[in-house]
C-alpha atoms as a PDB file:
ATOM      1  CA  MET A   1     -76.232  31.592 -29.346  1.00  0.00           C
ATOM      2  CA  SER A   2     -73.189  29.440 -30.047  1.00  0.00           C
ATOM      3  CA  GLN A   3     -69.740  30.856 -30.387  1.00  0.00           C
ATOM      4  CA  HIS A   4     -66.190  29.553 -30.649  1.00  0.00           C
ATOM      5  CA  ASP A   5     -63.775  32.438 -30.382  1.00  0.00           C
ATOM      6  CA  ASP A   6     -60.053  32.351 -29.645  1.00  0.00           C
ATOM      7  CA  ASP A   7     -60.284  35.843 -28.117  1.00  0.00           C
ATOM      8  CA  LEU A   8     -62.445  34.682 -25.221  1.00  0.00           C
ATOM      9  CA  ILE A   9     -60.805  34.560 -21.785  1.00  0.00           C
ATOM     10  CA  CYS A  10     -61.049  31.514 -19.523  1.00  0.00           C
ATOM     11  CA  VAL A  11     -62.075  32.724 -16.055  1.00  0.00           C
ATOM     12  CA  GLY A  12     -62.750  29.397 -14.351  1.00  0.00           C
ATOM     13  CA  HIS A  13     -64.489  26.051 -14.595  1.00  0.00           C
ATOM     14  CA  ILE A  14     -67.451  24.198 -13.135  1.00  0.00           C
ATOM     15  CA  LEU A  15     -66.597  21.867 -10.272  1.00  0.00           C
ATOM     16  CA  GLY A  16     -69.981  20.152  -9.985  1.00  0.00           C
ATOM     17  CA  SER A  17     -73.580  20.555  -8.966  1.00  0.00           C
ATOM     18  CA  GLN A  18     -74.810  22.113  -5.727  1.00  0.00           C
ATOM     19  CA  GLY A  19     -78.198  21.010  -4.444  1.00  0.00           C
ATOM     20  CA  VAL A  20     -81.114  19.847  -6.579  1.00  0.00           C
ATOM     21  CA  LYS A  21     -82.253  23.084  -8.256  1.00  0.00           C
ATOM     22  CA  GLY A  22     -79.541  23.371 -10.918  1.00  0.00           C
ATOM     23  CA  TRP A  23     -76.916  25.426  -9.082  1.00  0.00           C
ATOM     24  CA  VAL A  24     -73.241  24.703  -9.783  1.00  0.00           C
ATOM     25  CA  ARG A  25     -70.042  25.125  -7.753  1.00  0.00           C
ATOM     26  CA  VAL A  26     -67.453  27.162  -9.635  1.00  0.00           C
ATOM     27  CA  PHE A  27     -63.673  27.384  -9.491  1.00  0.00           C
ATOM     28  CA  SER A  28     -62.892  31.034 -10.226  1.00  0.00           C
ATOM     29  CA  ASN A  29     -59.649  32.506 -11.590  1.00  0.00           C
ATOM     30  CA  THR A  30     -60.887  36.025 -10.788  1.00  0.00           C
ATOM     31  CA  SER A  31     -59.848  38.117  -7.832  1.00  0.00           C
ATOM     32  CA  PRO A  32     -61.801  38.342  -5.673  1.00  0.00           C
ATOM     33  CA  ARG A  33     -63.252  34.937  -6.417  1.00  0.00           C
ATOM     34  CA  GLU A  34     -66.890  36.028  -6.532  1.00  0.00           C
ATOM     35  CA  ASN A  35     -66.242  38.569  -9.310  1.00  0.00           C
ATOM     36  CA  ILE A  36     -66.754  35.750 -11.811  1.00  0.00           C
ATOM     37  CA  VAL A  37     -70.543  35.982 -11.423  1.00  0.00           C
ATOM     38  CA  SER A  38     -70.551  39.661 -12.397  1.00  0.00           C
ATOM     39  CA  TYR A  39     -69.384  38.799 -15.937  1.00  0.00           C
ATOM     40  CA  SER A  40     -72.651  37.716 -17.539  1.00  0.00           C
ATOM     41  CA  PRO A  41     -73.057  36.156 -20.009  1.00  0.00           C
ATOM     42  CA  TRP A  42     -70.647  33.267 -19.658  1.00  0.00           C
ATOM     43  CA  PHE A  43     -69.603  31.099 -22.568  1.00  0.00           C
ATOM     44  CA  ILE A  44     -69.662  27.521 -21.282  1.00  0.00           C
ATOM     45  CA  GLU A  45     -67.381  25.232 -23.284  1.00  0.00           C
ATOM     46  CA  GLN A  46     -68.817  21.806 -24.022  1.00  0.00           C
ATOM     47  CA  GLY A  47     -66.705  19.894 -26.496  1.00  0.00           C
ATOM     48  CA  ASN A  48     -65.473  22.497 -28.989  1.00  0.00           C
ATOM     49  CA  VAL A  49     -68.555  24.730 -28.734  1.00  0.00           C
ATOM     50  CA  GLN A  50     -68.989  27.639 -26.369  1.00  0.00           C
ATOM     51  CA  GLN A  51     -72.617  28.284 -25.492  1.00  0.00           C
ATOM     52  CA  ALA A  52     -73.557  31.730 -24.149  1.00  0.00           C
ATOM     53  CA  THR A  53     -75.690  31.710 -21.040  1.00  0.00           C
ATOM     54  CA  ALA A  54     -76.831  34.310 -18.530  1.00  0.00           C
ATOM     55  CA  VAL A  55     -75.598  33.752 -15.002  1.00  0.00           C
ATOM     56  CA  GLN A  56     -76.297  34.863 -11.474  1.00  0.00           C
ATOM     57  CA  GLY A  57     -74.549  33.729  -8.342  1.00  0.00           C
ATOM     58  CA  ARG A  58     -72.905  34.406  -5.026  1.00  0.00           C
ATOM     59  CA  ARG A  59     -70.073  33.423  -2.758  1.00  0.00           C
ATOM     60  CA  GLN A  60     -70.942  30.846  -0.129  1.00  0.00           C
ATOM     61  CA  GLY A  61     -68.104  30.151   2.284  1.00  0.00           C
ATOM     62  CA  LYS A  62     -65.028  29.276   0.223  1.00  0.00           C
ATOM     63  CA  ASN A  63     -67.104  28.406  -2.839  1.00  0.00           C
ATOM     64  CA  VAL A  64     -68.743  30.405  -5.592  1.00  0.00           C
ATOM     65  CA  LEU A  65     -72.209  29.179  -6.532  1.00  0.00           C
ATOM     66  CA  ALA A  66     -73.859  30.031  -9.834  1.00  0.00           C
ATOM     67  CA  ARG A  67     -77.223  29.543 -11.455  1.00  0.00           C
ATOM     68  CA  LEU A  68     -77.121  29.306 -15.245  1.00  0.00           C
ATOM     69  CA  GLU A  69     -80.047  30.173 -17.455  1.00  0.00           C
ATOM     70  CA  GLY A  70     -81.735  26.991 -18.685  1.00  0.00           C
ATOM     71  CA  VAL A  71     -80.208  24.724 -16.025  1.00  0.00           C
ATOM     72  CA  GLU A  72     -83.123  23.703 -13.835  1.00  0.00           C
ATOM     73  CA  ASP A  73     -82.083  20.527 -12.015  1.00  0.00           C
ATOM     74  CA  ARG A  74     -79.164  18.559 -10.632  1.00  0.00           C
ATOM     75  CA  THR A  75     -78.906  16.294 -13.691  1.00  0.00           C
ATOM     76  CA  GLN A  76     -78.425  19.255 -16.025  1.00  0.00           C
ATOM     77  CA  ALA A  77     -75.924  20.795 -13.589  1.00  0.00           C
ATOM     78  CA  ASP A  78     -73.969  17.518 -13.336  1.00  0.00           C
ATOM     79  CA  GLU A  79     -73.556  17.480 -17.144  1.00  0.00           C
ATOM     80  CA  LEU A  80     -71.586  20.740 -16.877  1.00  0.00           C
ATOM     81  CA  THR A  81     -68.964  19.354 -14.460  1.00  0.00           C
ATOM     82  CA  GLY A  82     -65.507  20.144 -15.795  1.00  0.00           C
ATOM     83  CA  CYS A  83     -66.715  22.649 -18.399  1.00  0.00           C
ATOM     84  CA  ARG A  84     -64.562  25.753 -18.709  1.00  0.00           C
ATOM     85  CA  ILE A  85     -66.077  29.228 -18.335  1.00  0.00           C
ATOM     86  CA  PHE A  86     -65.144  32.003 -20.771  1.00  0.00           C
ATOM     87  CA  ILE A  87     -66.027  35.686 -21.103  1.00  0.00           C
ATOM     88  CA  ASN A  88     -65.456  38.363 -23.729  1.00  0.00           C
ATOM     89  CA  PRO A  89     -62.453  40.611 -22.989  1.00  0.00           C
ATOM     90  CA  GLN A  90     -64.789  43.619 -23.345  1.00  0.00           C
ATOM     91  CA  GLN A  91     -66.571  42.495 -20.158  1.00  0.00           C
ATOM     92  CA  LEU A  92     -63.470  43.219 -18.057  1.00  0.00           C
ATOM     93  CA  PRO A  93     -62.989  46.621 -16.455  1.00  0.00           C
ATOM     94  CA  ARG A  94     -60.372  48.917 -17.982  1.00  0.00           C
ATOM     95  CA  LEU A  95     -57.061  48.921 -16.159  1.00  0.00           C
ATOM     96  CA  GLU A  96     -54.820  51.808 -15.186  1.00  0.00           C
ATOM     97  CA  ALA A  97     -51.506  52.289 -16.978  1.00  0.00           C
ATOM     98  CA  GLY A  98     -48.991  49.690 -15.798  1.00  0.00           C
ATOM     99  CA  GLU A  99     -51.678  47.158 -14.806  1.00  0.00           C
ATOM    100  CA  TYR A 100     -52.202  43.936 -16.764  1.00  0.00           C
ATOM    101  CA  TYR A 101     -54.586  41.030 -16.864  1.00  0.00           C
ATOM    102  CA  TRP A 102     -52.848  37.656 -16.736  1.00  0.00           C
ATOM    103  CA  SER A 103     -54.570  36.732 -19.997  1.00  0.00           C
ATOM    104  CA  ASP A 104     -52.706  39.635 -21.664  1.00  0.00           C
ATOM    105  CA  LEU A 105     -49.350  38.339 -20.419  1.00  0.00           C
ATOM    106  CA  VAL A 106     -49.689  34.644 -21.308  1.00  0.00           C
ATOM    107  CA  GLY A 107     -47.994  34.025 -24.639  1.00  0.00           C
ATOM    108  CA  LEU A 108     -45.563  36.953 -24.455  1.00  0.00           C
ATOM    109  CA  ALA A 109     -41.942  36.244 -25.384  1.00  0.00           C
ATOM    110  CA  VAL A 110     -39.641  37.063 -22.472  1.00  0.00           C
ATOM    111  CA  GLU A 111     -36.092  38.307 -22.882  1.00  0.00           C
ATOM    112  CA  THR A 112     -33.416  39.801 -20.653  1.00  0.00           C
ATOM    113  CA  VAL A 113     -32.451  43.469 -20.791  1.00  0.00           C
ATOM    114  CA  GLN A 114     -29.442  42.269 -22.844  1.00  0.00           C
ATOM    115  CA  GLY A 115     -31.816  40.722 -25.409  1.00  0.00           C
ATOM    116  CA  GLU A 116     -31.297  37.045 -24.481  1.00  0.00           C
ATOM    117  CA  PRO A 117     -34.510  35.001 -24.945  1.00  0.00           C
ATOM    118  CA  LEU A 118     -35.717  33.196 -21.832  1.00  0.00           C
ATOM    119  CA  GLY A 119     -38.939  31.635 -23.126  1.00  0.00           C
ATOM    120  CA  VAL A 120     -42.632  32.338 -23.422  1.00  0.00           C
ATOM    121  CA  ILE A 121     -45.057  32.968 -20.573  1.00  0.00           C
ATOM    122  CA  ALA A 122     -47.009  29.701 -20.399  1.00  0.00           C
ATOM    123  CA  SER A 123     -49.040  30.655 -17.332  1.00  0.00           C
ATOM    124  CA  MET A 124     -49.132  32.867 -14.282  1.00  0.00           C
ATOM    125  CA  MET A 125     -49.502  31.846 -10.664  1.00  0.00           C
ATOM    126  CA  GLU A 126     -50.286  33.653  -7.480  1.00  0.00           C
ATOM    127  CA  THR A 127     -48.034  33.197  -4.484  1.00  0.00           C
ATOM    128  CA  GLY A 128     -48.245  34.820  -1.108  1.00  0.00           C
ATOM    129  CA  ALA A 129     -45.819  37.578  -2.032  1.00  0.00           C
ATOM    130  CA  ASP A 130     -45.848  38.286  -5.774  1.00  0.00           C
ATOM    131  CA  ASP A 131     -47.412  36.917  -8.927  1.00  0.00           C
ATOM    132  CA  VAL A 132     -45.032  34.607 -10.780  1.00  0.00           C
ATOM    133  CA  MET A 133     -44.571  34.075 -14.518  1.00  0.00           C
ATOM    134  CA  VAL A 134     -44.125  30.437 -15.554  1.00  0.00           C
ATOM    135  CA  LEU A 135     -41.954  30.405 -18.677  1.00  0.00           C
ATOM    136  CA  SER A 136     -41.613  27.557 -21.121  1.00  0.00           C
ATOM    137  CA  GLY A 137     -38.597  27.361 -23.381  1.00  0.00           C
ATOM    138  CA  GLU A 138     -35.315  25.453 -23.290  1.00  0.00           C
ATOM    139  CA  ARG A 139     -36.316  24.838 -19.647  1.00  0.00           C
ATOM    140  CA  GLU A 140     -39.086  25.969 -17.351  1.00  0.00           C
ATOM    141  CA  ARG A 141     -38.373  29.178 -15.450  1.00  0.00           C
ATOM    142  CA  LEU A 142     -40.284  30.868 -12.640  1.00  0.00           C
ATOM    143  CA  ILE A 143     -39.803  34.638 -12.559  1.00  0.00           C
ATOM    144  CA  PRO A 144     -41.550  37.002 -10.138  1.00  0.00           C
ATOM    145  CA  PHE A 145     -43.743  39.585 -11.866  1.00  0.00           C
ATOM    146  CA  VAL A 146     -42.455  42.686 -10.076  1.00  0.00           C
ATOM    147  CA  ILE A 147     -42.804  45.845 -12.159  1.00  0.00           C
ATOM    148  CA  ASP A 148     -39.733  48.124 -12.233  1.00  0.00           C
ATOM    149  CA  GLN A 149     -37.537  45.774 -10.157  1.00  0.00           C
ATOM    150  CA  ILE A 150     -37.620  42.676 -12.383  1.00  0.00           C
ATOM    151  CA  VAL A 151     -40.095  43.453 -15.157  1.00  0.00           C
ATOM    152  CA  ARG A 152     -38.622  46.391 -17.044  1.00  0.00           C
ATOM    153  CA  GLN A 153     -40.925  46.571 -20.070  1.00  0.00           C
ATOM    154  CA  VAL A 154     -44.250  45.077 -21.105  1.00  0.00           C
ATOM    155  CA  ASP A 155     -44.827  45.554 -24.839  1.00  0.00           C
ATOM    156  CA  LEU A 156     -48.236  44.077 -25.620  1.00  0.00           C
ATOM    157  CA  ASP A 157     -48.219  45.411 -29.192  1.00  0.00           C
ATOM    158  CA  ASN A 158     -45.067  43.430 -30.017  1.00  0.00           C
ATOM    159  CA  GLN A 159     -45.911  40.490 -27.709  1.00  0.00           C
ATOM    160  CA  ARG A 160     -42.691  40.971 -25.721  1.00  0.00           C
ATOM    161  CA  LEU A 161     -41.688  41.390 -22.088  1.00  0.00           C
ATOM    162  CA  VAL A 162     -38.212  42.484 -20.907  1.00  0.00           C
ATOM    163  CA  VAL A 163     -36.859  41.399 -17.520  1.00  0.00           C
ATOM    164  CA  ASP A 164     -33.786  42.149 -15.448  1.00  0.00           C
ATOM    165  CA  TRP A 165     -33.058  38.473 -14.849  1.00  0.00           C
ATOM    166  CA  SER A 166     -30.014  36.293 -15.395  1.00  0.00           C
ATOM    167  CA  PRO A 167     -30.424  33.356 -17.783  1.00  0.00           C
ATOM    168  CA  GLU A 168     -28.392  31.348 -15.231  1.00  0.00           C
ATOM    169  CA  TYR A 169     -31.197  31.483 -12.625  1.00  0.00           C
END
């Protein structure tokens, strides 16, 4: 099955092969890292096509290892190096009220409580303390994603997020 769908969520990418039996090492954007293997099937992006494939895997030390259906040897695994891994949003567990997946936040327009635009969430990053929104706009801004203290409203329907944050920061 081939699919190219803008609604798919990127959850990681393939770092390279592991051993000679077709296993691959995976960089995972999920938390915890090994959760990525529970979202089968994966859509592996090669060029502009995303090919669905069943997956099984495990965490081994700091790495996540995966075995993809149809990948039987190291040569086939090596060909997947650098390919991004996508899943359908329906594969993710439902969240409680006030919880958000990063993929839901990326692309939201951010404005202050006074209505001043600050930019658009280009990406999210994890730090030791809090998650941080990386905004693109007139300049790049880094704003902690702290509900109630800084983030005052998340309006997914209108693609908007309101923060208590000075444009001068």
